[in-house]
Amino acid sequence: MEADEVDKRDVILFLRGIVDPELGMNIYDLGLIYGIDIDDGHVTVTLTLTRATCPYAGILLESVKRGLLTVENVTKSTLSLVWDPPWDYEHLSDAIKLQCGLLE
């Protein structure tokens, strides 16, 4: 990786720091992130929400979009909000499933 490239691990680390205010868990391990594309400093995150009527949607999305610009070498951020496939508990990371008692 070149010195001025965006490290996807840094983007994931940032996303793990964004907490869904209703569920109290980070949006990455909740499975709300469907994709991360990086192209010459431009990061596009494809994501969903737990429900379309989320009262915190605007705040959450703005926090992600602006916050991505704090990640090293990110020069532009774009969000792609999608509803298909719809989010459900199957999208949770194994660590969260274990924490919630959904895995044995």
PDB file of N, CA and C in Angstrom:
ATOM      1  N   MET A   1       0.848  -1.177   0.000  1.00  0.00           N
ATOM      2  CA  MET A   1       0.000   0.000   0.000  1.00  0.00           C
ATOM      3  C   MET A   1       0.892   1.239   0.000  1.00  0.00           C
ATOM      4  N   GLU A   2       0.528   2.207  -0.824  1.00  0.00           N
ATOM      5  CA  GLU A   2       1.281   3.456  -0.896  1.00  0.00           C
ATOM      6  C   GLU A   2       0.944   4.343   0.300  1.00  0.00           C
ATOM      7  N   ALA A   3       1.823   5.264   0.607  1.00  0.00           N
ATOM      8  CA  ALA A   3       1.707   6.107   1.801  1.00  0.00           C
ATOM      9  C   ALA A   3       0.426   6.945   1.825  1.00  0.00           C
ATOM     10  N   ASP A   4      -0.084   7.328   0.654  1.00  0.00           N
ATOM     11  CA  ASP A   4      -1.265   8.196   0.635  1.00  0.00           C
ATOM     12  C   ASP A   4      -2.572   7.442   0.364  1.00  0.00           C
ATOM     13  N   GLU A   5      -2.533   6.115   0.412  1.00  0.00           N
ATOM     14  CA  GLU A   5      -3.734   5.319   0.185  1.00  0.00           C
ATOM     15  C   GLU A   5      -4.544   5.178   1.472  1.00  0.00           C
ATOM     16  N   VAL A   6      -5.839   5.021   1.303  1.00  0.00           N
ATOM     17  CA  VAL A   6      -6.728   4.792   2.433  1.00  0.00           C
ATOM     18  C   VAL A   6      -6.656   3.304   2.794  1.00  0.00           C
ATOM     19  N   ASP A   7      -6.462   3.046   4.064  1.00  0.00           N
ATOM     20  CA  ASP A   7      -6.419   1.668   4.559  1.00  0.00           C
ATOM     21  C   ASP A   7      -7.837   1.277   4.980  1.00  0.00           C
ATOM     22  N   LYS A   8      -8.373   0.250   4.352  1.00  0.00           N
ATOM     23  CA  LYS A   8      -9.737  -0.193   4.664  1.00  0.00           C
ATOM     24  C   LYS A   8      -9.890  -0.538   6.139  1.00  0.00           C
ATOM     25  N   ARG A   9      -8.821  -1.028   6.747  1.00  0.00           N
ATOM     26  CA  ARG A   9      -8.882  -1.351   8.183  1.00  0.00           C
ATOM     27  C   ARG A   9      -9.138  -0.100   9.016  1.00  0.00           C
ATOM     28  N   ASP A  10      -8.596   1.035   8.585  1.00  0.00           N
ATOM     29  CA  ASP A  10      -8.850   2.301   9.292  1.00  0.00           C
ATOM     30  C   ASP A  10     -10.313   2.714   9.157  1.00  0.00           C
ATOM     31  N   VAL A  11     -10.887   2.481   7.986  1.00  0.00           N
ATOM     32  CA  VAL A  11     -12.300   2.802   7.770  1.00  0.00           C
ATOM     33  C   VAL A  11     -13.171   1.921   8.673  1.00  0.00           C
ATOM     34  N   ILE A  12     -12.862   0.637   8.721  1.00  0.00           N
ATOM     35  CA  ILE A  12     -13.624  -0.287   9.573  1.00  0.00           C
ATOM     36  C   ILE A  12     -13.481   0.108  11.039  1.00  0.00           C
ATOM     37  N   LEU A  13     -12.290   0.451  11.458  1.00  0.00           N
ATOM     38  CA  LEU A  13     -12.074   0.885  12.837  1.00  0.00           C
ATOM     39  C   LEU A  13     -12.927   2.111  13.156  1.00  0.00           C
ATOM     40  N   PHE A  14     -12.972   3.058  12.230  1.00  0.00           N
ATOM     41  CA  PHE A  14     -13.817   4.233  12.415  1.00  0.00           C
ATOM     42  C   PHE A  14     -15.289   3.824  12.547  1.00  0.00           C
ATOM     43  N   LEU A  15     -15.762   2.970  11.645  1.00  0.00           N
ATOM     44  CA  LEU A  15     -17.166   2.551  11.656  1.00  0.00           C
ATOM     45  C   LEU A  15     -17.519   1.801  12.937  1.00  0.00           C
ATOM     46  N   ARG A  16     -16.563   1.084  13.483  1.00  0.00           N
ATOM     47  CA  ARG A  16     -16.801   0.397  14.756  1.00  0.00           C
ATOM     48  C   ARG A  16     -16.930   1.389  15.915  1.00  0.00           C
ATOM     49  N   GLY A  17     -16.534   2.620  15.700  1.00  0.00           N
ATOM     50  CA  GLY A  17     -16.672   3.647  16.724  1.00  0.00           C
ATOM     51  C   GLY A  17     -18.000   4.394  16.671  1.00  0.00           C
ATOM     52  N   ILE A  18     -18.795   4.142  15.642  1.00  0.00           N
ATOM     53  CA  ILE A  18     -20.109   4.774  15.509  1.00  0.00           C
ATOM     54  C   ILE A  18     -21.152   3.838  16.122  1.00  0.00           C
ATOM     55  N   VAL A  19     -21.828   4.314  17.147  1.00  0.00           N
ATOM     56  CA  VAL A  19     -22.782   3.485  17.883  1.00  0.00           C
ATOM     57  C   VAL A  19     -24.212   3.847  17.490  1.00  0.00           C
ATOM     58  N   ASP A  20     -25.000   2.831  17.191  1.00  0.00           N
ATOM     59  CA  ASP A  20     -26.425   3.036  16.941  1.00  0.00           C
ATOM     60  C   ASP A  20     -27.060   3.426  18.271  1.00  0.00           C
ATOM     61  N   PRO A  21     -27.647   4.625  18.363  1.00  0.00           N
ATOM     62  CA  PRO A  21     -28.157   5.098  19.649  1.00  0.00           C
ATOM     63  C   PRO A  21     -29.305   4.261  20.219  1.00  0.00           C
ATOM     64  N   GLU A  22     -30.061   3.610  19.372  1.00  0.00           N
ATOM     65  CA  GLU A  22     -31.179   2.798  19.871  1.00  0.00           C
ATOM     66  C   GLU A  22     -30.713   1.450  20.412  1.00  0.00           C
ATOM     67  N   LEU A  23     -29.750   0.837  19.740  1.00  0.00           N
ATOM     68  CA  LEU A  23     -29.316  -0.504  20.131  1.00  0.00           C
ATOM     69  C   LEU A  23     -28.048  -0.495  20.967  1.00  0.00           C
ATOM     70  N   GLY A  24     -27.328   0.617  20.975  1.00  0.00           N
ATOM     71  CA  GLY A  24     -26.124   0.715  21.790  1.00  0.00           C
ATOM     72  C   GLY A  24     -24.977  -0.155  21.320  1.00  0.00           C
ATOM     73  N   MET A  25     -24.968  -0.496  20.040  1.00  0.00           N
ATOM     74  CA  MET A  25     -23.893  -1.305  19.458  1.00  0.00           C
ATOM     75  C   MET A  25     -23.363  -0.591  18.223  1.00  0.00           C
ATOM     76  N   ASN A  26     -22.114  -0.892  17.868  1.00  0.00           N
ATOM     77  CA  ASN A  26     -21.534  -0.200  16.718  1.00  0.00           C
ATOM     78  C   ASN A  26     -22.161  -0.678  15.412  1.00  0.00           C
ATOM     79  N   ILE A  27     -22.208   0.222  14.449  1.00  0.00           N
ATOM     80  CA  ILE A  27     -22.919  -0.041  13.203  1.00  0.00           C
ATOM     81  C   ILE A  27     -22.240  -1.104  12.337  1.00  0.00           C
ATOM     82  N   TYR A  28     -20.941  -1.282  12.497  1.00  0.00           N
ATOM     83  CA  TYR A  28     -20.242  -2.293  11.708  1.00  0.00           C
ATOM     84  C   TYR A  28     -20.628  -3.691  12.179  1.00  0.00           C
ATOM     85  N   ASP A  29     -20.518  -3.933  13.480  1.00  0.00           N
ATOM     86  CA  ASP A  29     -20.844  -5.261  14.001  1.00  0.00           C
ATOM     87  C   ASP A  29     -22.345  -5.537  14.015  1.00  0.00           C
ATOM     88  N   LEU A  30     -23.155  -4.485  13.949  1.00  0.00           N
ATOM     89  CA  LEU A  30     -24.600  -4.677  13.799  1.00  0.00           C
ATOM     90  C   LEU A  30     -24.944  -5.195  12.404  1.00  0.00           C
ATOM     91  N   GLY A  31     -23.998  -5.084  11.488  1.00  0.00           N
ATOM     92  CA  GLY A  31     -24.242  -5.539  10.125  1.00  0.00           C
ATOM     93  C   GLY A  31     -24.944  -4.507   9.263  1.00  0.00           C
ATOM     94  N   LEU A  32     -24.870  -3.251   9.667  1.00  0.00           N
ATOM     95  CA  LEU A  32     -25.499  -2.186   8.884  1.00  0.00           C
ATOM     96  C   LEU A  32     -24.656  -1.774   7.686  1.00  0.00           C
ATOM     97  N   ILE A  33     -23.395  -2.165   7.682  1.00  0.00           N
ATOM     98  CA  ILE A  33     -22.489  -1.815   6.586  1.00  0.00           C
ATOM     99  C   ILE A  33     -22.502  -2.947   5.567  1.00  0.00           C
ATOM    100  N   TYR A  34     -22.958  -2.643   4.364  1.00  0.00           N
ATOM    101  CA  TYR A  34     -23.053  -3.658   3.316  1.00  0.00           C
ATOM    102  C   TYR A  34     -21.858  -3.611   2.366  1.00  0.00           C
ATOM    103  N   GLY A  35     -21.121  -2.500   2.368  1.00  0.00           N
ATOM    104  CA  GLY A  35     -19.970  -2.424   1.480  1.00  0.00           C
ATOM    105  C   GLY A  35     -19.137  -1.188   1.741  1.00  0.00           C
ATOM    106  N   ILE A  36     -17.840  -1.324   1.469  1.00  0.00           N
ATOM    107  CA  ILE A  36     -16.897  -0.205   1.575  1.00  0.00           C
ATOM    108  C   ILE A  36     -16.068  -0.213   0.295  1.00  0.00           C
ATOM    109  N   ASP A  37     -16.174   0.857  -0.471  1.00  0.00           N
ATOM    110  CA  ASP A  37     -15.391   0.985  -1.699  1.00  0.00           C
ATOM    111  C   ASP A  37     -14.457   2.174  -1.546  1.00  0.00           C
ATOM    112  N   ILE A  38     -13.216   1.960  -1.949  1.00  0.00           N
ATOM    113  CA  ILE A  38     -12.199   3.006  -1.832  1.00  0.00           C
ATOM    114  C   ILE A  38     -11.586   3.223  -3.206  1.00  0.00           C
ATOM    115  N   ASP A  39     -11.600   4.484  -3.646  1.00  0.00           N
ATOM    116  CA  ASP A  39     -11.038   4.824  -4.944  1.00  0.00           C
ATOM    117  C   ASP A  39     -10.302   6.154  -4.838  1.00  0.00           C
ATOM    118  N   ASP A  40      -8.999   6.067  -4.739  1.00  0.00           N
ATOM    119  CA  ASP A  40      -8.145   7.258  -4.742  1.00  0.00           C
ATOM    120  C   ASP A  40      -8.578   8.299  -3.710  1.00  0.00           C
ATOM    121  N   GLY A  41      -8.757   7.871  -2.469  1.00  0.00           N
ATOM    122  CA  GLY A  41      -9.115   8.771  -1.384  1.00  0.00           C
ATOM    123  C   GLY A  41     -10.605   8.983  -1.200  1.00  0.00           C
ATOM    124  N   HIS A  42     -11.393   8.523  -2.155  1.00  0.00           N
ATOM    125  CA  HIS A  42     -12.850   8.642  -2.080  1.00  0.00           C
ATOM    126  C   HIS A  42     -13.410   7.337  -1.509  1.00  0.00           C
ATOM    127  N   VAL A  43     -14.057   7.437  -0.356  1.00  0.00           N
ATOM    128  CA  VAL A  43     -14.631   6.258   0.297  1.00  0.00           C
ATOM    129  C   VAL A  43     -16.146   6.312   0.156  1.00  0.00           C
ATOM    130  N   THR A  44     -16.693   5.236  -0.380  1.00  0.00           N
ATOM    131  CA  THR A  44     -18.138   5.088  -0.487  1.00  0.00           C
ATOM    132  C   THR A  44     -18.555   3.945   0.415  1.00  0.00           C
ATOM    133  N   VAL A  45     -19.465   4.238   1.322  1.00  0.00           N
ATOM    134  CA  VAL A  45     -19.976   3.226   2.240  1.00  0.00           C
ATOM    135  C   VAL A  45     -21.435   2.957   1.873  1.00  0.00           C
ATOM    136  N   THR A  46     -21.721   1.696   1.600  1.00  0.00           N
ATOM    137  CA  THR A  46     -23.089   1.262   1.356  1.00  0.00           C
ATOM    138  C   THR A  46     -23.607   0.713   2.673  1.00  0.00           C
ATOM    139  N   LEU A  47     -24.727   1.258   3.121  1.00  0.00           N
ATOM    140  CA  LEU A  47     -25.237   0.871   4.425  1.00  0.00           C
ATOM    141  C   LEU A  47     -26.752   0.889   4.445  1.00  0.00           C
ATOM    142  N   THR A  48     -27.293   0.328   5.503  1.00  0.00           N
ATOM    143  CA  THR A  48     -28.721   0.335   5.734  1.00  0.00           C
ATOM    144  C   THR A  48     -28.967   0.761   7.173  1.00  0.00           C
ATOM    145  N   LEU A  49     -30.202   0.807   7.562  1.00  0.00           N
ATOM    146  CA  LEU A  49     -30.580   1.098   8.943  1.00  0.00           C
ATOM    147  C   LEU A  49     -31.431  -0.061   9.442  1.00  0.00           C
ATOM    148  N   THR A  50     -31.579  -0.161  10.738  1.00  0.00           N
ATOM    149  CA  THR A  50     -32.363  -1.267  11.280  1.00  0.00           C
ATOM    150  C   THR A  50     -33.829  -1.140  10.882  1.00  0.00           C
ATOM    151  N   ARG A  51     -34.276   0.080  10.656  1.00  0.00           N
ATOM    152  CA  ARG A  51     -35.657   0.295  10.187  1.00  0.00           C
ATOM    153  C   ARG A  51     -35.735   1.646   9.485  1.00  0.00           C
ATOM    154  N   ALA A  52     -36.631   1.736   8.537  1.00  0.00           N
ATOM    155  CA  ALA A  52     -36.761   2.955   7.731  1.00  0.00           C
ATOM    156  C   ALA A  52     -37.221   4.154   8.554  1.00  0.00           C
ATOM    157  N   THR A  53     -37.876   3.908   9.665  1.00  0.00           N
ATOM    158  CA  THR A  53     -38.391   5.000  10.492  1.00  0.00           C
ATOM    159  C   THR A  53     -37.461   5.343  11.652  1.00  0.00           C
ATOM    160  N   CYS A  54     -36.197   4.998  11.531  1.00  0.00           N
ATOM    161  CA  CYS A  54     -35.228   5.270  12.592  1.00  0.00           C
ATOM    162  C   CYS A  54     -35.196   6.772  12.896  1.00  0.00           C
ATOM    163  N   PRO A  55     -35.488   7.158  14.134  1.00  0.00           N
ATOM    164  CA  PRO A  55     -35.510   8.584  14.468  1.00  0.00           C
ATOM    165  C   PRO A  55     -34.124   9.226  14.479  1.00  0.00           C
ATOM    166  N   TYR A  56     -33.087   8.425  14.502  1.00  0.00           N
ATOM    167  CA  TYR A  56     -31.723   8.936  14.539  1.00  0.00           C
ATOM    168  C   TYR A  56     -31.030   8.866  13.180  1.00  0.00           C
ATOM    169  N   ALA A  57     -31.765   8.536  12.137  1.00  0.00           N
ATOM    170  CA  ALA A  57     -31.171   8.316  10.813  1.00  0.00           C
ATOM    171  C   ALA A  57     -30.324   9.499  10.358  1.00  0.00           C
ATOM    172  N   GLY A  58     -30.871  10.690  10.423  1.00  0.00           N
ATOM    173  CA  GLY A  58     -30.137  11.863   9.945  1.00  0.00           C
ATOM    174  C   GLY A  58     -28.842  12.090  10.691  1.00  0.00           C
ATOM    175  N   ILE A  59     -28.903  12.002  12.000  1.00  0.00           N
ATOM    176  CA  ILE A  59     -27.712  12.197  12.834  1.00  0.00           C
ATOM    177  C   ILE A  59     -26.684  11.109  12.568  1.00  0.00           C
ATOM    178  N   LEU A  60     -27.142   9.874  12.487  1.00  0.00           N
ATOM    179  CA  LEU A  60     -26.249   8.739  12.272  1.00  0.00           C
ATOM    180  C   LEU A  60     -25.553   8.844  10.928  1.00  0.00           C
ATOM    181  N   LEU A  61     -26.314   9.114   9.886  1.00  0.00           N
ATOM    182  CA  LEU A  61     -25.736   9.202   8.545  1.00  0.00           C
ATOM    183  C   LEU A  61     -24.763  10.369   8.428  1.00  0.00           C
ATOM    184  N   GLU A  62     -25.112  11.499   9.020  1.00  0.00           N
ATOM    185  CA  GLU A  62     -24.215  12.659   8.983  1.00  0.00           C
ATOM    186  C   GLU A  62     -22.933  12.377   9.760  1.00  0.00           C
ATOM    187  N   SER A  63     -23.039  11.672  10.883  1.00  0.00           N
ATOM    188  CA  SER A  63     -21.852  11.314  11.672  1.00  0.00           C
ATOM    189  C   SER A  63     -20.914  10.427  10.863  1.00  0.00           C
ATOM    190  N   VAL A  64     -21.475   9.499  10.125  1.00  0.00           N
ATOM    191  CA  VAL A  64     -20.645   8.614   9.299  1.00  0.00           C
ATOM    192  C   VAL A  64     -19.993   9.405   8.173  1.00  0.00           C
ATOM    193  N   LYS A  65     -20.801  10.165   7.445  1.00  0.00           N
ATOM    194  CA  LYS A  65     -20.274  10.895   6.282  1.00  0.00           C
ATOM    195  C   LYS A  65     -19.176  11.879   6.674  1.00  0.00           C
ATOM    196  N   ARG A  66     -19.428  12.689   7.694  1.00  0.00           N
ATOM    197  CA  ARG A  66     -18.413  13.664   8.127  1.00  0.00           C
ATOM    198  C   ARG A  66     -17.230  12.986   8.791  1.00  0.00           C
ATOM    199  N   GLY A  67     -17.522  11.987   9.600  1.00  0.00           N
ATOM    200  CA  GLY A  67     -16.462  11.300  10.323  1.00  0.00           C
ATOM    201  C   GLY A  67     -15.487  10.567   9.432  1.00  0.00           C
ATOM    202  N   LEU A  68     -15.967  10.054   8.313  1.00  0.00           N
ATOM    203  CA  LEU A  68     -15.061   9.370   7.384  1.00  0.00           C
ATOM    204  C   LEU A  68     -13.935  10.290   6.924  1.00  0.00           C
ATOM    205  N   LEU A  69     -14.213  11.573   6.876  1.00  0.00           N
ATOM    206  CA  LEU A  69     -13.194  12.534   6.443  1.00  0.00           C
ATOM    207  C   LEU A  69     -12.073  12.691   7.456  1.00  0.00           C
ATOM    208  N   THR A  70     -12.252  12.152   8.662  1.00  0.00           N
ATOM    209  CA  THR A  70     -11.193  12.191   9.671  1.00  0.00           C
ATOM    210  C   THR A  70     -10.256  10.992   9.562  1.00  0.00           C
ATOM    211  N   VAL A  71     -10.639  10.009   8.745  1.00  0.00           N
ATOM    212  CA  VAL A  71      -9.794   8.831   8.548  1.00  0.00           C
ATOM    213  C   VAL A  71      -8.627   9.216   7.650  1.00  0.00           C
ATOM    214  N   GLU A  72      -7.455   8.744   8.013  1.00  0.00           N
ATOM    215  CA  GLU A  72      -6.242   9.107   7.283  1.00  0.00           C
ATOM    216  C   GLU A  72      -6.372   8.865   5.784  1.00  0.00           C
ATOM    217  N   ASN A  73      -6.044   9.889   5.010  1.00  0.00           N
ATOM    218  CA  ASN A  73      -6.010   9.886   3.552  1.00  0.00           C
ATOM    219  C   ASN A  73      -7.372   9.892   2.870  1.00  0.00           C
ATOM    220  N   VAL A  74      -8.472   9.969   3.628  1.00  0.00           N
ATOM    221  CA  VAL A  74      -9.791  10.081   3.007  1.00  0.00           C
ATOM    222  C   VAL A  74      -9.999  11.544   2.610  1.00  0.00           C
ATOM    223  N   THR A  75     -10.305  11.765   1.336  1.00  0.00           N
ATOM    224  CA  THR A  75     -10.503  13.117   0.830  1.00  0.00           C
ATOM    225  C   THR A  75     -11.961  13.416   0.494  1.00  0.00           C
ATOM    226  N   LYS A  76     -12.753  12.352   0.335  1.00  0.00           N
ATOM    227  CA  LYS A  76     -14.171  12.514   0.010  1.00  0.00           C
ATOM    228  C   LYS A  76     -14.915  11.293   0.543  1.00  0.00           C
ATOM    229  N   SER A  77     -16.139  11.523   1.035  1.00  0.00           N
ATOM    230  CA  SER A  77     -16.947  10.402   1.499  1.00  0.00           C
ATOM    231  C   SER A  77     -18.346  10.490   0.905  1.00  0.00           C
ATOM    232  N   THR A  78     -18.860   9.338   0.545  1.00  0.00           N
ATOM    233  CA  THR A  78     -20.195   9.229  -0.011  1.00  0.00           C
ATOM    234  C   THR A  78     -20.899   8.074   0.681  1.00  0.00           C
ATOM    235  N   LEU A  79     -22.169   8.267   0.985  1.00  0.00           N
ATOM    236  CA  LEU A  79     -22.963   7.194   1.563  1.00  0.00           C
ATOM    237  C   LEU A  79     -24.008   6.764   0.554  1.00  0.00           C
ATOM    238  N   SER A  80     -24.228   5.454   0.500  1.00  0.00           N
ATOM    239  CA  SER A  80     -25.287   4.896  -0.328  1.00  0.00           C
ATOM    240  C   SER A  80     -26.211   4.136   0.608  1.00  0.00           C
ATOM    241  N   LEU A  81     -27.366   4.724   0.902  1.00  0.00           N
ATOM    242  CA  LEU A  81     -28.332   4.111   1.807  1.00  0.00           C
ATOM    243  C   LEU A  81     -29.223   3.180   1.001  1.00  0.00           C
ATOM    244  N   VAL A  82     -29.270   1.914   1.400  1.00  0.00           N
ATOM    245  CA  VAL A  82     -30.063   0.915   0.691  1.00  0.00           C
ATOM    246  C   VAL A  82     -31.010   0.215   1.662  1.00  0.00           C
ATOM    247  N   TRP A  83     -32.050  -0.335   1.112  1.00  0.00           N
ATOM    248  CA  TRP A  83     -33.032  -1.063   1.922  1.00  0.00           C
ATOM    249  C   TRP A  83     -33.141  -2.525   1.498  1.00  0.00           C
ATOM    250  N   ASP A  84     -32.381  -2.914   0.498  1.00  0.00           N
ATOM    251  CA  ASP A  84     -32.417  -4.284   0.008  1.00  0.00           C
ATOM    252  C   ASP A  84     -31.002  -4.827  -0.061  1.00  0.00           C
ATOM    253  N   PRO A  85     -30.692  -5.873   0.653  1.00  0.00           N
ATOM    254  CA  PRO A  85     -31.611  -6.650   1.476  1.00  0.00           C
ATOM    255  C   PRO A  85     -31.918  -5.925   2.782  1.00  0.00           C
ATOM    256  N   PRO A  86     -33.125  -6.133   3.297  1.00  0.00           N
ATOM    257  CA  PRO A  86     -33.463  -5.497   4.571  1.00  0.00           C
ATOM    258  C   PRO A  86     -32.618  -6.055   5.705  1.00  0.00           C
ATOM    259  N   TRP A  87     -32.310  -5.195   6.666  1.00  0.00           N
ATOM    260  CA  TRP A  87     -31.520  -5.626   7.815  1.00  0.00           C
ATOM    261  C   TRP A  87     -32.358  -6.540   8.707  1.00  0.00           C
ATOM    262  N   ASP A  88     -31.702  -7.560   9.253  1.00  0.00           N
ATOM    263  CA  ASP A  88     -32.312  -8.390  10.292  1.00  0.00           C
ATOM    264  C   ASP A  88     -31.192  -8.911  11.178  1.00  0.00           C
ATOM    265  N   TYR A  89     -31.535  -9.664  12.182  1.00  0.00           N
ATOM    266  CA  TYR A  89     -30.544 -10.121  13.161  1.00  0.00           C
ATOM    267  C   TYR A  89     -29.487 -11.048  12.562  1.00  0.00           C
ATOM    268  N   GLU A  90     -29.755 -11.608  11.414  1.00  0.00           N
ATOM    269  CA  GLU A  90     -28.764 -12.458  10.753  1.00  0.00           C
ATOM    270  C   GLU A  90     -27.544 -11.657  10.304  1.00  0.00           C
ATOM    271  N   HIS A  91     -27.684 -10.345  10.175  1.00  0.00           N
ATOM    272  CA  HIS A  91     -26.569  -9.491   9.758  1.00  0.00           C
ATOM    273  C   HIS A  91     -25.590  -9.191  10.899  1.00  0.00           C
ATOM    274  N   LEU A  92     -25.966  -9.493  12.116  1.00  0.00           N
ATOM    275  CA  LEU A  92     -25.085  -9.237  13.258  1.00  0.00           C
ATOM    276  C   LEU A  92     -23.786 -10.027  13.127  1.00  0.00           C
ATOM    277  N   SER A  93     -22.684  -9.444  13.600  1.00  0.00           N
ATOM    278  CA  SER A  93     -21.423 -10.188  13.638  1.00  0.00           C
ATOM    279  C   SER A  93     -21.562 -11.331  14.646  1.00  0.00           C
ATOM    280  N   ASP A  94     -20.730 -12.346  14.509  1.00  0.00           N
ATOM    281  CA  ASP A  94     -20.767 -13.473  15.448  1.00  0.00           C
ATOM    282  C   ASP A  94     -20.491 -13.004  16.877  1.00  0.00           C
ATOM    283  N   ALA A  95     -19.613 -12.005  17.026  1.00  0.00           N
ATOM    284  CA  ALA A  95     -19.301 -11.497  18.369  1.00  0.00           C
ATOM    285  C   ALA A  95     -20.549 -10.907  19.025  1.00  0.00           C
ATOM    286  N   ILE A  96     -21.338 -10.156  18.272  1.00  0.00           N
ATOM    287  CA  ILE A  96     -22.556  -9.566  18.812  1.00  0.00           C
ATOM    288  C   ILE A  96     -23.610 -10.661  19.062  1.00  0.00           C
ATOM    289  N   LYS A  97     -23.706 -11.614  18.143  1.00  0.00           N
ATOM    290  CA  LYS A  97     -24.659 -12.713  18.349  1.00  0.00           C
ATOM    291  C   LYS A  97     -24.333 -13.473  19.631  1.00  0.00           C
ATOM    292  N   LEU A  98     -23.052 -13.693  19.866  1.00  0.00           N
ATOM    293  CA  LEU A  98     -22.621 -14.390  21.071  1.00  0.00           C
ATOM    294  C   LEU A  98     -22.964 -13.561  22.317  1.00  0.00           C
ATOM    295  N   GLN A  99     -22.683 -12.262  22.251  1.00  0.00           N
ATOM    296  CA  GLN A  99     -22.958 -11.342  23.356  1.00  0.00           C
ATOM    297  C   GLN A  99     -24.453 -11.301  23.675  1.00  0.00           C
ATOM    298  N   CYS A 100     -25.293 -11.413  22.653  1.00  0.00           N
ATOM    299  CA  CYS A 100     -26.745 -11.347  22.842  1.00  0.00           C
ATOM    300  C   CYS A 100     -27.372 -12.716  23.111  1.00  0.00           C
ATOM    301  N   GLY A 101     -26.551 -13.750  23.155  1.00  0.00           N
ATOM    302  CA  GLY A 101     -27.079 -15.091  23.402  1.00  0.00           C
ATOM    303  C   GLY A 101     -27.739 -15.729  22.200  1.00  0.00           C
ATOM    304  N   LEU A 102     -27.404 -15.243  20.998  1.00  0.00           N
ATOM    305  CA  LEU A 102     -27.985 -15.802  19.785  1.00  0.00           C
ATOM    306  C   LEU A 102     -27.153 -16.937  19.204  1.00  0.00           C
ATOM    307  N   LEU A 103     -25.958 -17.131  19.731  1.00  0.00           N
ATOM    308  CA  LEU A 103     -25.085 -18.240  19.315  1.00  0.00           C
ATOM    309  C   LEU A 103     -24.817 -19.116  20.522  1.00  0.00           C
ATOM    310  N   GLU A 104     -24.725 -20.367  20.271  1.00  0.00           N
ATOM    311  CA  GLU A 104     -24.420 -21.289  21.378  1.00  0.00           C
ATOM    312  C   GLU A 104     -22.974 -21.696  21.318  1.00  0.00           C
TER     313      GLU A 104
END
